[in-house]
């Protein structure tokens, strides 16, 4: 049986930070920073024959305190969730 290939170190980057998806979980940010963005896709809906994210839990996690949740909200649609999460993350990392 063939072993699965690992593509280590090749991620999609947005604004200089890695954006990684594994199933219904999306991480944005550098794990070496104090905070990262975690988005969990809870529900999907059909749009033009494809499943697209609908309800998404947006969380800012502290990487220094055993992944403690610092901020959390529920958003509808990927754009709203990601936009909100990126703003939160930028503010947390800045100050």
N, C-alpha and C. Protein backbone atom coordinates (compact mmCIF):
# COMPACT_ATOMS: atom_id res chain seq x y z
N UNK A 1 0.84 -1.18 0.00
CA UNK A 1 0.00 0.00 0.00
C UNK A 1 0.89 1.24 0.00
N UNK A 2 0.55 2.21 -0.81
CA UNK A 2 1.35 3.43 -0.93
C UNK A 2 1.15 4.33 0.28
N UNK A 3 2.24 4.95 0.70
CA UNK A 3 2.16 5.88 1.82
C UNK A 3 1.67 7.24 1.32
N UNK A 4 0.85 7.92 2.12
CA UNK A 4 0.39 9.25 1.70
C UNK A 4 1.57 10.22 1.63
N UNK A 5 1.52 11.10 0.63
CA UNK A 5 2.57 12.10 0.47
C UNK A 5 2.37 13.23 1.45
N UNK A 6 3.47 13.75 1.96
CA UNK A 6 3.41 14.89 2.86
C UNK A 6 4.05 16.08 2.15
N UNK A 7 3.34 17.16 2.09
CA UNK A 7 3.83 18.39 1.47
C UNK A 7 4.22 19.35 2.58
N UNK A 8 5.34 19.09 3.22
CA UNK A 8 5.74 19.89 4.37
C UNK A 8 6.21 21.27 3.95
N UNK A 9 5.71 22.28 4.64
CA UNK A 9 6.17 23.64 4.42
C UNK A 9 5.55 24.36 3.25
N UNK A 10 4.61 23.76 2.54
CA UNK A 10 3.98 24.42 1.40
C UNK A 10 2.52 24.72 1.75
N UNK A 11 2.29 25.94 2.19
CA UNK A 11 0.95 26.35 2.59
C UNK A 11 0.52 27.55 1.78
N UNK A 12 -0.76 27.78 1.75
CA UNK A 12 -1.30 29.00 1.19
C UNK A 12 -1.06 30.11 2.20
N UNK A 13 -0.55 31.25 1.75
CA UNK A 13 -0.29 32.38 2.64
C UNK A 13 -1.21 33.54 2.28
N UNK A 14 -1.70 34.22 3.31
CA UNK A 14 -2.50 35.42 3.14
C UNK A 14 -1.94 36.47 4.09
N UNK A 15 -1.58 37.61 3.56
CA UNK A 15 -0.96 38.69 4.35
C UNK A 15 0.25 38.19 5.14
N UNK A 16 1.00 37.29 4.54
CA UNK A 16 2.23 36.81 5.15
C UNK A 16 2.08 35.73 6.21
N UNK A 17 0.85 35.26 6.44
CA UNK A 17 0.61 34.22 7.45
C UNK A 17 0.01 32.98 6.78
N UNK A 18 0.35 31.78 7.26
CA UNK A 18 -0.18 30.56 6.66
C UNK A 18 -1.67 30.36 6.94
N UNK A 19 -2.35 29.84 5.93
CA UNK A 19 -3.78 29.51 6.00
C UNK A 19 -3.89 28.03 5.70
N UNK A 20 -4.29 27.23 6.70
CA UNK A 20 -4.27 25.77 6.58
C UNK A 20 -5.66 25.21 6.89
N UNK A 21 -6.14 24.32 6.01
CA UNK A 21 -7.43 23.67 6.25
C UNK A 21 -7.24 22.17 6.37
N UNK A 22 -7.88 21.61 7.37
CA UNK A 22 -7.90 20.17 7.57
C UNK A 22 -9.35 19.80 7.86
N UNK A 23 -10.04 19.25 6.88
CA UNK A 23 -11.45 18.92 7.04
C UNK A 23 -12.28 20.18 7.20
N UNK A 24 -12.99 20.30 8.31
CA UNK A 24 -13.84 21.47 8.57
C UNK A 24 -13.17 22.48 9.49
N UNK A 25 -11.88 22.35 9.70
CA UNK A 25 -11.15 23.26 10.59
C UNK A 25 -10.14 24.05 9.76
N UNK A 26 -10.13 25.37 9.96
CA UNK A 26 -9.21 26.25 9.24
C UNK A 26 -8.41 27.04 10.27
N UNK A 27 -7.09 26.95 10.16
CA UNK A 27 -6.18 27.74 11.00
C UNK A 27 -5.56 28.83 10.17
N UNK A 28 -5.44 30.02 10.75
CA UNK A 28 -4.76 31.13 10.10
C UNK A 28 -3.83 31.76 11.12
N UNK A 29 -2.57 31.86 10.77
CA UNK A 29 -1.61 32.48 11.66
C UNK A 29 -0.40 31.59 11.89
N UNK A 30 0.59 32.17 12.52
CA UNK A 30 1.83 31.49 12.81
C UNK A 30 1.78 30.96 14.25
N UNK A 31 2.05 29.69 14.42
CA UNK A 31 1.98 29.08 15.76
C UNK A 31 3.06 29.62 16.70
N UNK A 32 4.06 30.31 16.17
CA UNK A 32 5.09 30.93 17.01
C UNK A 32 4.63 32.27 17.57
N UNK A 33 3.56 32.86 17.00
CA UNK A 33 3.01 34.11 17.51
C UNK A 33 2.19 33.83 18.77
N UNK A 34 1.78 34.90 19.45
CA UNK A 34 1.00 34.74 20.69
C UNK A 34 -0.42 34.25 20.44
N UNK A 35 -0.98 34.53 19.26
CA UNK A 35 -2.38 34.18 18.96
C UNK A 35 -2.50 33.63 17.55
N UNK A 36 -3.50 32.78 17.34
CA UNK A 36 -3.86 32.28 16.01
C UNK A 36 -5.38 32.32 15.88
N UNK A 37 -5.83 32.31 14.64
CA UNK A 37 -7.26 32.27 14.33
C UNK A 37 -7.65 30.84 14.01
N UNK A 38 -8.73 30.38 14.62
CA UNK A 38 -9.29 29.06 14.35
C UNK A 38 -10.73 29.24 13.90
N UNK A 39 -11.06 28.68 12.75
CA UNK A 39 -12.44 28.72 12.26
C UNK A 39 -12.91 27.28 12.06
N UNK A 40 -14.04 26.96 12.65
CA UNK A 40 -14.62 25.63 12.53
C UNK A 40 -15.92 25.73 11.76
N UNK A 41 -16.00 25.04 10.62
CA UNK A 41 -17.20 25.06 9.79
C UNK A 41 -18.20 24.09 10.41
N UNK A 42 -19.31 24.63 10.90
CA UNK A 42 -20.32 23.82 11.58
C UNK A 42 -21.37 23.29 10.60
N UNK A 43 -21.79 24.12 9.64
CA UNK A 43 -22.78 23.69 8.65
C UNK A 43 -22.37 24.20 7.27
N UNK A 44 -22.87 23.52 6.25
CA UNK A 44 -22.66 23.95 4.87
C UNK A 44 -24.01 24.07 4.19
N UNK A 45 -24.00 24.75 3.05
CA UNK A 45 -25.22 24.82 2.25
C UNK A 45 -24.84 24.67 0.79
N UNK A 46 -25.79 24.29 -0.03
CA UNK A 46 -25.55 24.11 -1.46
C UNK A 46 -25.62 25.45 -2.17
N UNK A 47 -24.63 25.71 -3.01
CA UNK A 47 -24.63 26.90 -3.86
C UNK A 47 -24.09 26.47 -5.21
N UNK A 48 -24.92 26.56 -6.21
CA UNK A 48 -24.55 26.16 -7.57
C UNK A 48 -24.00 24.73 -7.60
N UNK A 49 -24.64 23.85 -6.83
CA UNK A 49 -24.27 22.45 -6.82
C UNK A 49 -23.09 22.08 -5.95
N UNK A 50 -22.54 23.04 -5.22
CA UNK A 50 -21.38 22.76 -4.36
C UNK A 50 -21.71 23.09 -2.91
N UNK A 51 -21.06 22.39 -2.00
CA UNK A 51 -21.19 22.71 -0.57
C UNK A 51 -20.28 23.87 -0.24
N UNK A 52 -20.84 24.91 0.34
CA UNK A 52 -20.05 26.06 0.79
C UNK A 52 -20.30 26.27 2.29
N UNK A 53 -19.30 26.78 3.00
CA UNK A 53 -19.48 27.00 4.44
C UNK A 53 -20.63 27.94 4.74
N UNK A 54 -21.42 27.61 5.75
CA UNK A 54 -22.53 28.46 6.16
C UNK A 54 -22.27 28.99 7.57
N UNK A 55 -22.51 28.18 8.59
CA UNK A 55 -22.27 28.62 9.96
C UNK A 55 -20.84 28.26 10.37
N UNK A 56 -20.10 29.27 10.83
CA UNK A 56 -18.70 29.09 11.19
C UNK A 56 -18.44 29.67 12.57
N UNK A 57 -17.80 28.88 13.43
CA UNK A 57 -17.38 29.36 14.74
C UNK A 57 -15.99 29.97 14.57
N UNK A 58 -15.86 31.25 14.93
CA UNK A 58 -14.60 31.98 14.80
C UNK A 58 -14.01 32.13 16.20
N UNK A 59 -12.74 31.72 16.35
CA UNK A 59 -12.09 31.79 17.66
C UNK A 59 -10.66 32.33 17.52
N UNK A 60 -10.26 33.15 18.47
CA UNK A 60 -8.87 33.54 18.60
C UNK A 60 -8.31 32.73 19.76
N UNK A 61 -7.23 32.00 19.51
CA UNK A 61 -6.63 31.15 20.53
C UNK A 61 -5.28 31.70 20.94
N UNK A 62 -4.99 31.61 22.23
CA UNK A 62 -3.67 31.98 22.74
C UNK A 62 -2.76 30.77 22.62
N UNK A 63 -1.65 30.91 21.91
CA UNK A 63 -0.72 29.79 21.76
C UNK A 63 0.16 29.64 22.99
N UNK A 64 0.18 30.63 23.84
CA UNK A 64 1.04 30.60 25.03
C UNK A 64 0.35 29.97 26.24
N UNK A 65 -0.96 29.85 26.21
CA UNK A 65 -1.71 29.33 27.36
C UNK A 65 -2.50 28.08 26.98
N UNK A 66 -1.82 27.09 26.43
CA UNK A 66 -2.46 25.82 26.07
C UNK A 66 -3.70 26.00 25.20
N UNK A 67 -3.60 26.86 24.20
CA UNK A 67 -4.66 27.09 23.22
C UNK A 67 -5.96 27.58 23.87
N UNK A 68 -5.85 28.43 24.85
CA UNK A 68 -7.00 29.02 25.53
C UNK A 68 -7.77 29.92 24.56
N UNK A 69 -9.10 29.83 24.59
CA UNK A 69 -9.94 30.68 23.75
C UNK A 69 -9.98 32.08 24.35
N UNK A 70 -9.57 33.07 23.56
CA UNK A 70 -9.53 34.46 24.01
C UNK A 70 -10.77 35.22 23.53
N UNK A 71 -11.22 34.90 22.32
CA UNK A 71 -12.37 35.57 21.73
C UNK A 71 -13.10 34.56 20.86
N UNK A 72 -14.45 34.67 20.82
CA UNK A 72 -15.23 33.70 20.05
C UNK A 72 -16.54 34.32 19.59
N UNK A 73 -16.99 33.91 18.40
CA UNK A 73 -18.28 34.34 17.88
C UNK A 73 -18.70 33.36 16.79
N UNK A 74 -19.95 33.43 16.39
CA UNK A 74 -20.47 32.62 15.29
C UNK A 74 -20.82 33.56 14.16
N UNK A 75 -20.35 33.24 12.96
CA UNK A 75 -20.63 34.06 11.77
C UNK A 75 -21.23 33.17 10.70
N UNK A 76 -21.93 33.79 9.77
CA UNK A 76 -22.56 33.07 8.67
C UNK A 76 -21.92 33.48 7.36
N UNK A 77 -21.32 32.51 6.69
CA UNK A 77 -20.61 32.75 5.44
C UNK A 77 -19.12 32.89 5.69
N UNK A 78 -18.33 32.35 4.76
CA UNK A 78 -16.88 32.34 4.94
C UNK A 78 -16.30 33.75 4.95
N UNK A 79 -16.78 34.61 4.06
CA UNK A 79 -16.21 35.97 4.00
C UNK A 79 -16.36 36.69 5.33
N UNK A 80 -17.57 36.68 5.88
CA UNK A 80 -17.81 37.38 7.15
C UNK A 80 -16.96 36.78 8.28
N UNK A 81 -16.86 35.45 8.32
CA UNK A 81 -16.08 34.79 9.37
C UNK A 81 -14.60 35.11 9.24
N UNK A 82 -14.06 34.99 8.04
CA UNK A 82 -12.63 35.22 7.84
C UNK A 82 -12.27 36.68 8.02
N UNK A 83 -13.09 37.58 7.51
CA UNK A 83 -12.84 39.02 7.65
C UNK A 83 -12.82 39.41 9.13
N UNK A 84 -13.80 38.96 9.87
CA UNK A 84 -13.85 39.25 11.31
C UNK A 84 -12.65 38.66 12.03
N UNK A 85 -12.34 37.42 11.74
CA UNK A 85 -11.22 36.74 12.39
C UNK A 85 -9.88 37.39 12.11
N UNK A 86 -9.66 37.82 10.87
CA UNK A 86 -8.39 38.47 10.51
C UNK A 86 -8.25 39.80 11.26
N UNK A 87 -9.33 40.56 11.35
CA UNK A 87 -9.29 41.83 12.08
C UNK A 87 -8.98 41.58 13.55
N UNK A 88 -9.66 40.62 14.17
CA UNK A 88 -9.38 40.28 15.57
C UNK A 88 -7.93 39.89 15.77
N UNK A 89 -7.43 39.01 14.88
CA UNK A 89 -6.06 38.52 15.01
C UNK A 89 -5.05 39.66 14.87
N UNK A 90 -5.26 40.53 13.89
CA UNK A 90 -4.34 41.66 13.70
C UNK A 90 -4.32 42.56 14.93
N UNK A 91 -5.48 42.80 15.51
CA UNK A 91 -5.55 43.65 16.72
C UNK A 91 -4.87 42.98 17.91
N UNK A 92 -5.07 41.67 18.07
CA UNK A 92 -4.46 40.96 19.20
C UNK A 92 -2.94 40.93 19.06
N UNK A 93 -2.44 40.73 17.85
CA UNK A 93 -1.00 40.67 17.64
C UNK A 93 -0.34 42.04 17.75
N UNK A 94 -1.12 43.10 17.47
CA UNK A 94 -0.57 44.46 17.53
C UNK A 94 -0.47 44.98 18.96
N UNK A 95 -1.32 44.47 19.82
CA UNK A 95 -1.31 45.14 21.09
C UNK A 95 -1.45 44.34 22.29
